[in-house]
Amino acid sequence: MPITFTIDSEQSKRLAFDLWCREKGIKKKDLADQLDVSPQRFSQILNGDYVSGAVFDQLQEIQIDGHRIPRELIPVPSSPKKLGRKTKEA
């Protein structure tokens, strides 16, 4: 029986994605392989750490055993986080 709930945050989106994978018997490692990224990088993508438009498009096209990732579970494209020292404003 399918699980239904409201996705209201990135954390609940990640949980929904994990449940969807489990329900379909899909391993995240297999999804990472299809994206040609390491499982660690795939986890970062799912956590919302810089998702480029290209990765977003690839995630929409992936199919495993005839299942396509529901669009509402895919992390939205985001800007890269700025690294380095914070500057003080005058």
C-alpha atoms as a PDB file:
ATOM      1  CA  MET A   1       0.000   0.000   0.000  1.00  0.00           C
ATOM      2  CA  PRO A   2       1.493   3.401  -0.990  1.00  0.00           C
ATOM      3  CA  ILE A   3       2.454   5.853   1.734  1.00  0.00           C
ATOM      4  CA  THR A   4       1.041   9.379   1.399  1.00  0.00           C
ATOM      5  CA  PHE A   5       2.087  12.474   3.343  1.00  0.00           C
ATOM      6  CA  THR A   6       2.725  16.187   2.898  1.00  0.00           C
ATOM      7  CA  ILE A   7       6.205  17.360   1.960  1.00  0.00           C
ATOM      8  CA  ASP A   8       6.748  20.692   3.694  1.00  0.00           C
ATOM      9  CA  SER A   9      10.522  20.914   4.100  1.00  0.00           C
ATOM     10  CA  GLU A  10      13.766  19.627   2.617  1.00  0.00           C
ATOM     11  CA  GLN A  11      14.066  17.211   5.537  1.00  0.00           C
ATOM     12  CA  SER A  12      10.624  15.723   4.889  1.00  0.00           C
ATOM     13  CA  LYS A  13      11.454  15.611   1.163  1.00  0.00           C
ATOM     14  CA  ARG A  14      14.544  13.529   1.971  1.00  0.00           C
ATOM     15  CA  LEU A  15      12.494  11.218   4.199  1.00  0.00           C
ATOM     16  CA  ALA A  16       9.870  10.854   1.470  1.00  0.00           C
ATOM     17  CA  PHE A  17      12.607  10.033  -1.049  1.00  0.00           C
ATOM     18  CA  ASP A  18      14.086   7.394   1.278  1.00  0.00           C
ATOM     19  CA  LEU A  19      10.661   5.819   1.790  1.00  0.00           C
ATOM     20  CA  TRP A  20       9.929   5.889  -1.943  1.00  0.00           C
ATOM     21  CA  CYS A  21      13.227   4.095  -2.679  1.00  0.00           C
ATOM     22  CA  ARG A  22      12.519   1.493  -0.016  1.00  0.00           C
ATOM     23  CA  GLU A  23       8.969   0.931  -1.299  1.00  0.00           C
ATOM     24  CA  LYS A  24      10.240   0.434  -4.884  1.00  0.00           C
ATOM     25  CA  GLY A  25      13.257  -1.642  -3.824  1.00  0.00           C
ATOM     26  CA  ILE A  26      15.650   0.896  -5.350  1.00  0.00           C
ATOM     27  CA  LYS A  27      19.136   1.326  -3.921  1.00  0.00           C
ATOM     28  CA  LYS A  28      20.537   4.852  -3.782  1.00  0.00           C
ATOM     29  CA  LYS A  29      23.869   3.422  -4.916  1.00  0.00           C
ATOM     30  CA  ASP A  30      22.200   2.406  -8.195  1.00  0.00           C
ATOM     31  CA  LEU A  31      20.851   5.935  -8.624  1.00  0.00           C
ATOM     32  CA  ALA A  32      24.317   7.368  -7.887  1.00  0.00           C
ATOM     33  CA  ASP A  33      25.803   5.038 -10.518  1.00  0.00           C
ATOM     34  CA  GLN A  34      23.298   6.272 -13.104  1.00  0.00           C
ATOM     35  CA  LEU A  35      24.264   9.871 -12.323  1.00  0.00           C
ATOM     36  CA  ASP A  36      27.938   8.883 -12.459  1.00  0.00           C
ATOM     37  CA  VAL A  37      28.600  10.288  -8.970  1.00  0.00           C
ATOM     38  CA  SER A  38      29.829   8.661  -5.780  1.00  0.00           C
ATOM     39  CA  PRO A  39      27.270   7.538  -3.196  1.00  0.00           C
ATOM     40  CA  GLN A  40      28.631  10.281  -0.917  1.00  0.00           C
ATOM     41  CA  ARG A  41      28.025  12.976  -3.549  1.00  0.00           C
ATOM     42  CA  PHE A  42      24.555  11.567  -4.202  1.00  0.00           C
ATOM     43  CA  SER A  43      23.792  11.903  -0.491  1.00  0.00           C
ATOM     44  CA  GLN A  44      24.947  15.534  -0.610  1.00  0.00           C
ATOM     45  CA  ILE A  45      22.651  16.128  -3.588  1.00  0.00           C
ATOM     46  CA  LEU A  46      19.709  14.649  -1.682  1.00  0.00           C
ATOM     47  CA  ASN A  47      20.548  16.883   1.282  1.00  0.00           C
ATOM     48  CA  GLY A  48      20.271  19.914  -1.000  1.00  0.00           C
ATOM     49  CA  ASP A  49      23.995  20.702  -1.190  1.00  0.00           C
ATOM     50  CA  TYR A  50      24.413  22.481  -4.527  1.00  0.00           C
ATOM     51  CA  VAL A  51      22.228  20.826  -7.102  1.00  0.00           C
ATOM     52  CA  SER A  52      22.948  22.123 -10.595  1.00  0.00           C
ATOM     53  CA  GLY A  53      20.272  22.381 -13.249  1.00  0.00           C
ATOM     54  CA  ALA A  54      21.997  19.561 -15.155  1.00  0.00           C
ATOM     55  CA  VAL A  55      21.815  17.194 -12.171  1.00  0.00           C
ATOM     56  CA  PHE A  56      18.171  18.197 -11.632  1.00  0.00           C
ATOM     57  CA  ASP A  57      17.426  17.307 -15.266  1.00  0.00           C
ATOM     58  CA  GLN A  58      19.283  13.986 -14.989  1.00  0.00           C
ATOM     59  CA  LEU A  59      17.373  13.035 -11.844  1.00  0.00           C
ATOM     60  CA  GLN A  60      14.094  13.598 -13.687  1.00  0.00           C
ATOM     61  CA  GLU A  61      15.152  11.225 -16.471  1.00  0.00           C
ATOM     62  CA  ILE A  62      16.512   8.316 -14.384  1.00  0.00           C
ATOM     63  CA  GLN A  63      14.506   5.116 -14.525  1.00  0.00           C
ATOM     64  CA  ILE A  64      15.176   1.967 -12.538  1.00  0.00           C
ATOM     65  CA  ASP A  65      12.986  -1.058 -13.089  1.00  0.00           C
ATOM     66  CA  GLY A  66      10.481   1.167 -14.863  1.00  0.00           C
ATOM     67  CA  HIS A  67      10.223   3.607 -11.956  1.00  0.00           C
ATOM     68  CA  ARG A  68      10.965   7.292 -12.406  1.00  0.00           C
ATOM     69  CA  ILE A  69      11.684   9.476  -9.354  1.00  0.00           C
ATOM     70  CA  PRO A  70       8.618  11.607  -8.565  1.00  0.00           C
ATOM     71  CA  ARG A  71       9.411  15.221  -9.407  1.00  0.00           C
ATOM     72  CA  GLU A  72       8.303  16.470  -5.982  1.00  0.00           C
ATOM     73  CA  LEU A  73      11.021  14.334  -4.346  1.00  0.00           C
ATOM     74  CA  ILE A  74      13.888  15.724  -6.452  1.00  0.00           C
ATOM     75  CA  PRO A  75      15.998  18.447  -4.795  1.00  0.00           C
ATOM     76  CA  VAL A  76      15.587  21.768  -6.581  1.00  0.00           C
ATOM     77  CA  PRO A  77      18.584  23.437  -8.250  1.00  0.00           C
ATOM     78  CA  SER A  78      20.479  25.621  -5.795  1.00  0.00           C
ATOM     79  CA  SER A  79      23.407  27.992  -5.770  1.00  0.00           C
ATOM     80  CA  PRO A  80      26.790  26.755  -4.594  1.00  0.00           C
ATOM     81  CA  LYS A  81      27.563  27.608  -0.992  1.00  0.00           C
ATOM     82  CA  LYS A  82      30.220  30.260  -0.615  1.00  0.00           C
ATOM     83  CA  LEU A  83      33.355  28.947   0.986  1.00  0.00           C
ATOM     84  CA  GLY A  84      36.035  30.889   2.762  1.00  0.00           C
ATOM     85  CA  ARG A  85      36.149  33.581   5.356  1.00  0.00           C
ATOM     86  CA  LYS A  86      33.197  35.733   6.166  1.00  0.00           C
ATOM     87  CA  THR A  87      33.832  39.429   5.713  1.00  0.00           C
ATOM     88  CA  LYS A  88      32.763  41.964   8.294  1.00  0.00           C
ATOM     89  CA  GLU A  89      30.418  44.685   7.141  1.00  0.00           C
ATOM     90  CA  ALA A  90      31.462  48.209   8.070  1.00  0.00           C
END
